[in-house]
């Protein structure tokens, strides 16, 4: 008569094995049991099918006609509860609090020293940039959001040339006499 073997792997997946004990081998020692059915399920699943639902029972009885199954005994086999979850959050909080306490013990007393600024030049170095630099032009943040930026007199011509070169590279050269780009001459 088959028996149920249960195991749980390190990720928590539950494995149900339906095993059939095999007769003794020729040498007198017991042979390895034969695996009839294996069912695997993720941990703590409340939906889905049972390991031995009606369809699985019918299939097993049809596949192994010489084996007698006691479904009541198999279904009532006790399954060990899952191990308690490691309280890793509490452990991490305690470790973090210990590190903070150790850092506070080694920290010097009083507020950290503040270095005085050297003048208006130092304040300008520390100020956040309010412009983006694109190519030769400098564009203010309100201009960088949408449409084309107005060309500055200093770098406008070079910017237009650069854009033309980029556009020419996309199309495959100058149009052929037939009007098709890249056509035969």
N, C-alpha and C. Protein backbone atom coordinates (compact mmCIF):
# COMPACT_ATOMS: atom_id res chain seq x y z
N UNK A 1 0.85 -1.17 0.00
CA UNK A 1 0.00 0.00 0.00
C UNK A 1 0.90 1.25 0.00
N UNK A 2 0.60 2.23 -0.85
CA UNK A 2 1.42 3.44 -0.95
C UNK A 2 1.36 4.28 0.34
N UNK A 3 2.40 5.05 0.54
CA UNK A 3 2.45 5.95 1.69
C UNK A 3 2.84 7.34 1.19
N UNK A 4 2.56 8.34 2.01
CA UNK A 4 2.82 9.73 1.67
C UNK A 4 4.08 10.20 2.38
N UNK A 5 4.95 10.82 1.62
CA UNK A 5 6.17 11.41 2.18
C UNK A 5 6.08 12.90 1.88
N UNK A 6 6.43 13.72 2.86
CA UNK A 6 6.31 15.18 2.74
C UNK A 6 7.64 15.82 3.03
N UNK A 7 7.99 16.85 2.29
CA UNK A 7 9.21 17.62 2.60
C UNK A 7 8.98 19.08 2.23
N UNK A 8 9.83 19.93 2.78
CA UNK A 8 9.77 21.36 2.51
C UNK A 8 11.20 21.81 2.23
N UNK A 9 11.42 22.49 1.11
CA UNK A 9 12.78 22.91 0.78
C UNK A 9 13.12 24.24 1.44
N UNK A 10 14.32 24.74 1.18
CA UNK A 10 14.79 25.95 1.87
C UNK A 10 14.00 27.20 1.51
N UNK A 11 13.35 27.22 0.34
CA UNK A 11 12.53 28.36 -0.05
C UNK A 11 11.11 28.25 0.47
N UNK A 12 10.76 27.12 1.07
CA UNK A 12 9.44 26.93 1.64
C UNK A 12 8.48 26.16 0.76
N UNK A 13 8.91 25.73 -0.43
CA UNK A 13 8.03 24.95 -1.29
C UNK A 13 7.73 23.62 -0.64
N UNK A 14 6.48 23.21 -0.70
CA UNK A 14 6.05 21.96 -0.08
C UNK A 14 5.97 20.89 -1.16
N UNK A 15 6.57 19.72 -0.88
CA UNK A 15 6.61 18.60 -1.82
C UNK A 15 5.86 17.43 -1.21
N UNK A 16 4.92 16.87 -1.97
CA UNK A 16 4.17 15.69 -1.56
C UNK A 16 4.61 14.55 -2.48
N UNK A 17 5.10 13.47 -1.89
CA UNK A 17 5.53 12.31 -2.66
C UNK A 17 4.64 11.13 -2.30
N UNK A 18 4.05 10.50 -3.28
CA UNK A 18 3.29 9.27 -3.07
C UNK A 18 4.23 8.13 -3.46
N UNK A 19 4.64 7.35 -2.45
CA UNK A 19 5.66 6.32 -2.65
C UNK A 19 5.03 4.94 -2.46
N UNK A 20 5.53 3.97 -3.21
CA UNK A 20 5.10 2.60 -3.04
C UNK A 20 6.30 1.81 -2.51
N UNK A 21 6.13 1.15 -1.35
CA UNK A 21 7.26 0.34 -0.87
C UNK A 21 7.52 -0.81 -1.84
N UNK A 22 8.76 -1.06 -2.11
CA UNK A 22 9.09 -2.13 -3.04
C UNK A 22 9.45 -3.39 -2.25
N UNK A 23 9.26 -4.53 -2.85
CA UNK A 23 9.62 -5.76 -2.14
C UNK A 23 11.13 -5.85 -1.95
N UNK A 24 11.54 -6.77 -1.13
CA UNK A 24 12.97 -6.94 -0.88
C UNK A 24 13.69 -7.35 -2.16
N UNK A 25 14.90 -6.88 -2.28
CA UNK A 25 15.69 -7.21 -3.47
C UNK A 25 16.19 -8.66 -3.37
N UNK A 26 16.90 -9.12 -4.36
CA UNK A 26 17.41 -10.49 -4.40
C UNK A 26 18.41 -10.74 -3.28
N UNK A 27 19.09 -9.72 -2.82
CA UNK A 27 20.12 -9.89 -1.80
C UNK A 27 19.55 -9.85 -0.39
N UNK A 28 18.28 -9.64 -0.23
CA UNK A 28 17.67 -9.66 1.09
C UNK A 28 17.48 -8.29 1.72
N UNK A 29 18.09 -7.27 1.21
CA UNK A 29 17.91 -5.93 1.79
C UNK A 29 16.77 -5.22 1.06
N UNK A 30 16.15 -4.26 1.72
CA UNK A 30 15.02 -3.59 1.07
C UNK A 30 15.49 -2.74 -0.12
N UNK A 31 14.73 -2.76 -1.18
CA UNK A 31 15.03 -1.94 -2.36
C UNK A 31 14.44 -0.54 -2.13
N UNK A 32 14.83 0.37 -2.96
CA UNK A 32 14.33 1.75 -2.85
C UNK A 32 12.86 1.78 -3.20
N UNK A 33 12.06 2.58 -2.48
CA UNK A 33 10.64 2.67 -2.82
C UNK A 33 10.45 3.34 -4.18
N UNK A 34 9.34 3.05 -4.81
CA UNK A 34 9.05 3.57 -6.13
C UNK A 34 8.19 4.83 -5.99
N UNK A 35 8.54 5.86 -6.73
CA UNK A 35 7.79 7.11 -6.73
C UNK A 35 6.62 6.97 -7.70
N UNK A 36 5.40 7.14 -7.17
CA UNK A 36 4.21 7.07 -8.01
C UNK A 36 3.71 8.45 -8.44
N UNK A 37 3.87 9.43 -7.55
CA UNK A 37 3.27 10.75 -7.80
C UNK A 37 4.05 11.78 -7.00
N UNK A 38 4.25 12.94 -7.60
CA UNK A 38 4.94 14.05 -6.91
C UNK A 38 4.14 15.32 -7.17
N UNK A 39 3.89 16.08 -6.11
CA UNK A 39 3.14 17.33 -6.20
C UNK A 39 3.91 18.39 -5.45
N UNK A 40 4.12 19.53 -6.08
CA UNK A 40 4.84 20.64 -5.44
C UNK A 40 3.95 21.86 -5.43
N UNK A 41 3.97 22.59 -4.32
CA UNK A 41 3.17 23.80 -4.20
C UNK A 41 3.97 24.87 -3.46
N UNK A 42 3.75 26.15 -3.76
CA UNK A 42 4.41 27.21 -3.01
C UNK A 42 3.94 27.22 -1.56
N UNK A 43 4.69 27.86 -0.69
CA UNK A 43 4.32 27.85 0.73
C UNK A 43 3.07 28.66 1.02
N UNK A 44 2.29 28.18 1.96
CA UNK A 44 1.12 28.87 2.51
C UNK A 44 0.10 29.28 1.45
N UNK A 45 -0.12 28.43 0.46
CA UNK A 45 -1.10 28.73 -0.59
C UNK A 45 -2.47 28.28 -0.12
N UNK A 46 -3.44 29.16 -0.21
CA UNK A 46 -4.80 28.84 0.22
C UNK A 46 -5.72 28.60 -0.98
N UNK A 47 -5.26 28.90 -2.17
CA UNK A 47 -6.06 28.68 -3.36
C UNK A 47 -5.35 27.66 -4.23
N UNK A 48 -6.01 27.19 -5.26
CA UNK A 48 -5.39 26.21 -6.13
C UNK A 48 -5.95 24.83 -5.84
N UNK A 49 -5.30 23.82 -6.31
CA UNK A 49 -5.82 22.47 -6.12
C UNK A 49 -5.09 21.75 -4.99
N UNK A 50 -5.74 20.75 -4.46
CA UNK A 50 -5.16 19.91 -3.41
C UNK A 50 -4.22 18.90 -4.06
N UNK A 51 -3.31 18.31 -3.28
CA UNK A 51 -2.39 17.33 -3.87
C UNK A 51 -3.11 16.11 -4.44
N UNK A 52 -4.18 15.69 -3.78
CA UNK A 52 -4.91 14.50 -4.24
C UNK A 52 -6.37 14.87 -4.52
N UNK A 53 -6.59 15.69 -5.53
CA UNK A 53 -7.97 16.02 -5.90
C UNK A 53 -8.57 14.85 -6.69
N UNK A 54 -9.83 14.95 -7.04
CA UNK A 54 -10.53 13.84 -7.69
C UNK A 54 -9.88 13.44 -9.02
N UNK A 55 -9.46 14.41 -9.81
CA UNK A 55 -8.84 14.10 -11.11
C UNK A 55 -7.51 13.37 -10.91
N UNK A 56 -6.71 13.81 -9.95
CA UNK A 56 -5.43 13.14 -9.69
C UNK A 56 -5.66 11.72 -9.18
N UNK A 57 -6.65 11.51 -8.35
CA UNK A 57 -6.96 10.17 -7.83
C UNK A 57 -7.36 9.23 -8.97
N UNK A 58 -8.25 9.71 -9.85
CA UNK A 58 -8.67 8.87 -10.96
C UNK A 58 -7.50 8.53 -11.87
N UNK A 59 -6.64 9.50 -12.15
CA UNK A 59 -5.48 9.27 -13.02
C UNK A 59 -4.54 8.25 -12.40
N UNK A 60 -4.27 8.37 -11.09
CA UNK A 60 -3.37 7.42 -10.42
C UNK A 60 -3.96 6.01 -10.42
N UNK A 61 -5.25 5.89 -10.15
CA UNK A 61 -5.88 4.57 -10.13
C UNK A 61 -5.87 3.94 -11.53
N UNK A 62 -6.03 4.74 -12.57
CA UNK A 62 -6.00 4.24 -13.93
C UNK A 62 -4.58 3.86 -14.35
N UNK A 63 -3.58 4.64 -13.91
CA UNK A 63 -2.19 4.40 -14.30
C UNK A 63 -1.60 3.20 -13.57
N UNK A 64 -1.99 2.96 -12.31
CA UNK A 64 -1.47 1.85 -11.52
C UNK A 64 -2.64 0.95 -11.11
N UNK A 65 -3.14 0.10 -12.00
CA UNK A 65 -4.32 -0.70 -11.67
C UNK A 65 -4.06 -1.77 -10.60
N UNK A 66 -2.84 -2.24 -10.43
CA UNK A 66 -2.56 -3.28 -9.44
C UNK A 66 -2.31 -2.74 -8.04
N UNK A 67 -2.29 -1.44 -7.87
CA UNK A 67 -2.00 -0.83 -6.56
C UNK A 67 -3.31 -0.40 -5.92
N UNK A 68 -3.45 -0.73 -4.61
CA UNK A 68 -4.66 -0.34 -3.88
C UNK A 68 -4.35 0.93 -3.09
N UNK A 69 -5.13 1.99 -3.31
CA UNK A 69 -4.92 3.28 -2.66
C UNK A 69 -5.94 3.46 -1.54
N UNK A 70 -5.46 3.89 -0.37
CA UNK A 70 -6.34 4.25 0.73
C UNK A 70 -6.32 5.78 0.83
N UNK A 71 -7.23 6.42 0.10
CA UNK A 71 -7.20 7.87 0.00
C UNK A 71 -7.50 8.55 1.33
N UNK A 72 -8.32 7.96 2.16
CA UNK A 72 -8.62 8.55 3.47
C UNK A 72 -7.36 8.60 4.33
N UNK A 73 -6.60 7.53 4.35
CA UNK A 73 -5.37 7.50 5.15
C UNK A 73 -4.34 8.48 4.59
N UNK A 74 -4.24 8.55 3.27
CA UNK A 74 -3.28 9.48 2.66
C UNK A 74 -3.65 10.93 2.93
N UNK A 75 -4.95 11.24 2.86
CA UNK A 75 -5.39 12.62 3.09
C UNK A 75 -5.26 13.01 4.56
N UNK A 76 -5.33 12.05 5.47
CA UNK A 76 -5.24 12.37 6.90
C UNK A 76 -3.81 12.31 7.43
N UNK A 77 -2.83 12.10 6.58
CA UNK A 77 -1.43 12.08 7.01
C UNK A 77 -1.07 13.46 7.55
N UNK A 78 -0.55 13.52 8.78
CA UNK A 78 -0.22 14.84 9.34
C UNK A 78 0.97 15.47 8.62
N UNK A 79 0.85 16.74 8.36
CA UNK A 79 1.92 17.51 7.70
C UNK A 79 2.49 18.47 8.74
N UNK A 80 3.80 18.46 8.93
CA UNK A 80 4.37 19.35 9.94
C UNK A 80 4.13 20.82 9.59
N UNK A 81 3.92 21.64 10.61
CA UNK A 81 3.70 23.07 10.33
C UNK A 81 4.97 23.72 9.81
N UNK A 82 4.83 24.80 9.07
CA UNK A 82 6.03 25.47 8.57
C UNK A 82 6.83 26.05 9.73
N UNK A 83 8.14 26.11 9.58
CA UNK A 83 8.95 26.68 10.65
C UNK A 83 8.61 28.15 10.86
N UNK A 84 8.80 28.61 12.07
CA UNK A 84 8.52 30.02 12.35
C UNK A 84 9.50 30.89 11.58
N UNK A 85 8.99 31.97 11.08
CA UNK A 85 9.82 32.89 10.31
C UNK A 85 10.84 33.55 11.23
N UNK A 86 12.02 33.73 10.69
CA UNK A 86 13.08 34.38 11.47
C UNK A 86 12.70 35.84 11.68
N UNK A 87 12.80 36.34 12.90
CA UNK A 87 12.45 37.75 13.15
C UNK A 87 13.58 38.68 12.69
N UNK A 88 13.82 38.69 11.39
CA UNK A 88 14.96 39.45 10.87
C UNK A 88 14.78 40.95 11.02
N UNK A 89 13.56 41.45 10.96
CA UNK A 89 13.36 42.90 11.11
C UNK A 89 13.79 43.37 12.49
N UNK A 90 13.35 42.64 13.50
CA UNK A 90 13.72 43.03 14.87
C UNK A 90 15.23 42.93 15.08
N UNK A 91 15.83 41.87 14.51
CA UNK A 91 17.28 41.70 14.65
C UNK A 91 18.01 42.85 13.96
N UNK A 92 17.57 43.24 12.77
CA UNK A 92 18.22 44.34 12.06
C UNK A 92 18.05 45.66 12.80
N UNK A 93 16.86 45.90 13.37
CA UNK A 93 16.65 47.13 14.13
C UNK A 93 17.56 47.19 15.34
N UNK A 94 17.72 46.06 16.03
CA UNK A 94 18.60 46.03 17.20
C UNK A 94 20.05 46.27 16.79
N UNK A 95 20.49 45.67 15.67
CA UNK A 95 21.86 45.89 15.20
C UNK A 95 22.07 47.35 14.81
N UNK A 96 21.10 47.95 14.15
CA UNK A 96 21.21 49.35 13.74
C UNK A 96 21.28 50.27 14.95
N UNK A 97 20.45 49.99 15.97
CA UNK A 97 20.48 50.81 17.18
C UNK A 97 21.82 50.68 17.89
N UNK A 98 22.39 49.47 17.88
CA UNK A 98 23.70 49.27 18.51
C UNK A 98 24.79 50.03 17.75
N UNK A 99 24.72 50.03 16.41
CA UNK A 99 25.72 50.78 15.62
C UNK A 99 25.60 52.28 15.87
N UNK A 100 24.36 52.78 15.97
CA UNK A 100 24.17 54.21 16.24
C UNK A 100 24.69 54.58 17.61
N UNK A 101 24.46 53.73 18.59
CA UNK A 101 24.95 54.01 19.94
C UNK A 101 26.47 54.01 19.96
N UNK A 102 27.08 53.06 19.25
CA UNK A 102 28.55 53.01 19.20
C UNK A 102 29.11 54.23 18.49
N UNK A 103 28.45 54.68 17.43
CA UNK A 103 28.91 55.87 16.71
C UNK A 103 28.74 57.12 17.57
N UNK A 104 27.68 57.18 18.36
CA UNK A 104 27.46 58.34 19.23
C UNK A 104 28.50 58.38 20.35
N UNK A 105 28.95 57.23 20.82
CA UNK A 105 29.98 57.18 21.86
C UNK A 105 31.32 57.69 21.35
N UNK A 106 31.63 57.43 20.08
CA UNK A 106 32.92 57.83 19.52
C UNK A 106 32.90 59.21 18.89
N UNK A 107 31.74 59.82 18.74
CA UNK A 107 31.63 61.13 18.11
C UNK A 107 32.09 62.21 19.09
N UNK A 108 32.75 63.28 18.59
CA UNK A 108 33.17 64.37 19.48
C UNK A 108 31.94 65.12 19.99
N UNK A 109 32.10 65.74 21.15
CA UNK A 109 31.01 66.50 21.77
C UNK A 109 30.81 67.82 21.04
N UNK A 110 29.59 68.30 20.98
CA UNK A 110 29.29 69.60 20.39
C UNK A 110 28.97 69.49 18.91
N UNK A 111 28.51 70.60 18.32
CA UNK A 111 28.17 70.58 16.90
C UNK A 111 29.43 70.50 16.06
N UNK A 112 29.34 70.03 14.85
CA UNK A 112 30.52 69.95 13.98
C UNK A 112 30.98 71.36 13.61
N UNK A 113 32.28 71.54 13.44
CA UNK A 113 32.79 72.88 13.09
C UNK A 113 32.35 73.27 11.69
N UNK A 114 32.03 74.57 11.54
CA UNK A 114 31.58 75.10 10.26
C UNK A 114 32.71 75.93 9.70
N UNK A 115 33.05 75.68 8.42
CA UNK A 115 34.11 76.45 7.80
C UNK A 115 33.52 77.74 7.25
N UNK A 116 34.12 78.89 7.55
CA UNK A 116 33.58 80.15 7.04
C UNK A 116 33.81 80.27 5.54
N UNK A 117 32.90 80.96 4.88
CA UNK A 117 33.01 81.18 3.44
C UNK A 117 34.04 82.28 3.19
N UNK A 118 34.75 82.18 2.10
CA UNK A 118 35.82 83.13 1.79
C UNK A 118 35.27 84.44 1.24
N UNK A 119 34.07 84.50 0.79
CA UNK A 119 33.53 85.73 0.23
C UNK A 119 32.44 85.40 -0.78
N UNK A 120 32.07 86.40 -1.59
CA UNK A 120 31.00 86.16 -2.57
C UNK A 120 31.37 85.12 -3.62
N UNK A 121 32.67 84.96 -3.92
CA UNK A 121 33.08 83.97 -4.91
C UNK A 121 32.78 82.57 -4.40
N UNK A 122 32.99 82.31 -3.11
CA UNK A 122 32.72 80.99 -2.53
C UNK A 122 31.22 80.72 -2.53
N UNK A 123 30.42 81.75 -2.29
CA UNK A 123 28.97 81.55 -2.31
C UNK A 123 28.50 81.23 -3.72
N UNK A 124 29.11 81.83 -4.73
CA UNK A 124 28.73 81.54 -6.11
C UNK A 124 29.12 80.12 -6.49
N UNK A 125 30.25 79.62 -5.96
CA UNK A 125 30.66 78.25 -6.24
C UNK A 125 29.69 77.25 -5.62
N UNK A 126 29.11 77.58 -4.49
CA UNK A 126 28.21 76.66 -3.81
C UNK A 126 26.79 76.73 -4.33
N UNK A 127 26.45 77.77 -5.08
CA UNK A 127 25.08 77.93 -5.58
C UNK A 127 24.80 76.88 -6.64
N UNK A 128 23.58 76.34 -6.66
CA UNK A 128 23.26 75.34 -7.69
C UNK A 128 23.20 75.98 -9.06
N UNK A 129 23.55 75.22 -10.07
CA UNK A 129 23.53 75.73 -11.44
C UNK A 129 22.09 75.95 -11.86
N UNK A 130 21.81 77.09 -12.47
CA UNK A 130 20.45 77.37 -12.91
C UNK A 130 20.33 77.31 -14.42
N UNK A 131 21.42 76.99 -15.11
CA UNK A 131 21.37 76.91 -16.56
C UNK A 131 21.94 75.58 -17.00
N UNK A 132 21.48 75.12 -18.16
CA UNK A 132 22.05 73.94 -18.77
C UNK A 132 22.90 74.39 -19.95
N UNK A 133 24.01 73.74 -20.13
CA UNK A 133 24.84 74.10 -21.26
C UNK A 133 24.65 73.05 -22.33
N UNK A 134 24.22 73.49 -23.51
CA UNK A 134 23.99 72.58 -24.62
C UNK A 134 24.81 73.09 -25.79
N UNK A 135 25.81 72.33 -26.15
CA UNK A 135 26.66 72.74 -27.27
C UNK A 135 27.33 74.06 -26.98
N UNK A 136 27.12 75.03 -27.87
CA UNK A 136 27.74 76.34 -27.72
C UNK A 136 26.84 77.29 -26.94
N UNK A 137 25.57 76.91 -26.75
CA UNK A 137 24.61 77.83 -26.18
C UNK A 137 24.36 77.52 -24.71
N UNK A 138 23.96 78.52 -24.00
CA UNK A 138 23.52 78.34 -22.62
C UNK A 138 22.04 78.65 -22.61
N UNK A 139 21.26 77.70 -22.11
CA UNK A 139 19.81 77.83 -22.14
C UNK A 139 19.32 77.87 -20.70
N UNK A 140 18.45 78.81 -20.40
CA UNK A 140 17.86 78.90 -19.06
C UNK A 140 16.89 77.75 -18.87
N UNK A 141 16.61 77.34 -17.62
CA UNK A 141 15.73 76.19 -17.38
C UNK A 141 14.34 76.35 -17.98
N UNK A 142 13.78 77.58 -18.01
CA UNK A 142 12.43 77.73 -18.54
C UNK A 142 12.41 77.53 -20.05
N UNK A 143 13.56 77.64 -20.72
CA UNK A 143 13.61 77.45 -22.16
C UNK A 143 13.87 76.00 -22.52
N UNK A 144 14.44 75.21 -21.61
CA UNK A 144 14.85 73.85 -21.96
C UNK A 144 13.69 72.88 -21.95
N UNK A 145 12.50 73.30 -21.58
CA UNK A 145 11.39 72.37 -21.46
C UNK A 145 10.77 71.98 -22.77
N UNK A 146 10.63 72.86 -23.73
CA UNK A 146 9.80 72.49 -24.85
C UNK A 146 10.42 72.72 -26.20
N UNK A 147 9.98 73.77 -26.85
CA UNK A 147 10.30 74.00 -28.24
C UNK A 147 11.73 74.41 -28.46
N UNK A 148 11.98 74.91 -29.66
CA UNK A 148 13.35 75.28 -30.00
C UNK A 148 13.80 76.51 -29.21
N UNK A 149 15.04 76.49 -28.84
CA UNK A 149 15.59 77.61 -28.08
C UNK A 149 15.94 78.73 -29.03
N UNK A 150 15.75 79.96 -28.59
CA UNK A 150 16.16 81.06 -29.46
C UNK A 150 17.67 81.05 -29.61
N UNK A 151 18.11 81.35 -30.81
CA UNK A 151 19.54 81.27 -31.07
C UNK A 151 20.22 82.53 -30.55
N UNK A 152 21.34 82.32 -29.90
CA UNK A 152 22.12 83.46 -29.44
C UNK A 152 22.97 83.95 -30.61
N UNK A 153 23.31 85.22 -30.62
CA UNK A 153 24.10 85.72 -31.75
C UNK A 153 25.48 85.10 -31.82
N UNK A 154 26.02 84.67 -30.68
CA UNK A 154 27.38 84.16 -30.69
C UNK A 154 27.47 82.75 -31.28
N UNK A 155 26.56 81.85 -30.91
CA UNK A 155 26.72 80.46 -31.33
C UNK A 155 25.62 79.96 -32.22
N UNK A 156 24.76 80.81 -32.75
CA UNK A 156 23.62 80.37 -33.52
C UNK A 156 23.98 79.72 -34.84
N UNK A 157 24.92 80.28 -35.57
CA UNK A 157 25.25 79.76 -36.89
C UNK A 157 25.88 78.37 -36.78
N UNK A 158 26.76 78.19 -35.83
CA UNK A 158 27.40 76.87 -35.69
C UNK A 158 26.38 75.83 -35.26
N UNK A 159 25.40 76.23 -34.46
CA UNK A 159 24.36 75.31 -34.02
C UNK A 159 23.51 74.86 -35.21
N UNK A 160 23.18 75.80 -36.12
CA UNK A 160 22.39 75.45 -37.31
C UNK A 160 23.17 74.50 -38.21
N UNK A 161 24.45 74.75 -38.38
CA UNK A 161 25.27 73.87 -39.23
C UNK A 161 25.31 72.46 -38.65
N UNK A 162 25.47 72.38 -37.37
CA UNK A 162 25.55 71.07 -36.72
C UNK A 162 24.23 70.32 -36.91
N UNK A 163 23.11 71.01 -36.80
CA UNK A 163 21.81 70.36 -36.99
C UNK A 163 21.64 69.88 -38.42
N UNK A 164 22.11 70.69 -39.40
CA UNK A 164 22.01 70.28 -40.80
C UNK A 164 22.83 69.02 -41.05
N UNK A 165 24.03 68.97 -40.50
CA UNK A 165 24.87 67.79 -40.69
C UNK A 165 24.19 66.56 -40.12
N UNK A 166 23.58 66.68 -38.93
CA UNK A 166 22.90 65.55 -38.32
C UNK A 166 21.74 65.08 -39.19
N UNK A 167 20.98 66.03 -39.74
CA UNK A 167 19.84 65.67 -40.58
C UNK A 167 20.29 64.98 -41.86
N UNK A 168 21.38 65.47 -42.47
CA UNK A 168 21.88 64.86 -43.68
C UNK A 168 22.30 63.43 -43.44
N UNK A 169 22.88 63.14 -42.32
CA UNK A 169 23.35 61.80 -42.02
C UNK A 169 22.22 60.80 -41.89
N UNK A 170 21.03 61.24 -41.53
CA UNK A 170 19.91 60.32 -41.35
C UNK A 170 19.34 59.83 -42.66
N UNK A 171 19.25 60.69 -43.67
CA UNK A 171 18.52 60.37 -44.89
C UNK A 171 19.30 59.56 -45.90
N UNK A 172 20.58 59.42 -45.76
CA UNK A 172 21.35 58.64 -46.71
C UNK A 172 21.92 59.47 -47.85
N UNK A 173 22.12 60.75 -47.64
CA UNK A 173 22.77 61.57 -48.66
C UNK A 173 21.79 62.46 -49.39
N UNK A 174 22.22 62.96 -50.54
CA UNK A 174 21.37 63.85 -51.33
C UNK A 174 20.39 63.04 -52.15
N UNK A 175 19.23 63.60 -52.43
CA UNK A 175 18.25 62.85 -53.22
C UNK A 175 18.74 62.63 -54.65
N UNK A 176 18.35 61.51 -55.22
CA UNK A 176 18.71 61.16 -56.61
C UNK A 176 17.81 61.94 -57.56
N UNK A 177 18.17 61.97 -58.83
CA UNK A 177 17.35 62.71 -59.79
C UNK A 177 15.91 62.24 -59.83
N UNK A 178 15.63 60.99 -59.56
CA UNK A 178 14.28 60.48 -59.61
C UNK A 178 13.45 60.91 -58.41
N UNK A 179 14.05 61.59 -57.46
CA UNK A 179 13.33 62.03 -56.27
C UNK A 179 13.48 61.09 -55.09
N UNK A 180 13.96 59.89 -55.32
CA UNK A 180 14.14 58.92 -54.24
C UNK A 180 15.52 59.11 -53.62
N UNK A 181 15.62 59.16 -52.30
CA UNK A 181 16.95 59.26 -51.69
C UNK A 181 17.70 57.97 -51.92
N UNK A 182 18.96 58.08 -52.25
CA UNK A 182 19.83 56.93 -52.42
C UNK A 182 19.55 56.15 -53.70
N UNK A 183 18.85 56.74 -54.68
CA UNK A 183 18.52 56.05 -55.90
C UNK A 183 19.70 56.01 -56.87
N UNK A 184 19.55 55.29 -57.96
CA UNK A 184 20.61 55.15 -58.95
C UNK A 184 20.65 56.41 -59.83
N UNK A 185 21.84 56.78 -60.31
CA UNK A 185 21.99 57.92 -61.21
C UNK A 185 21.87 57.53 -62.64
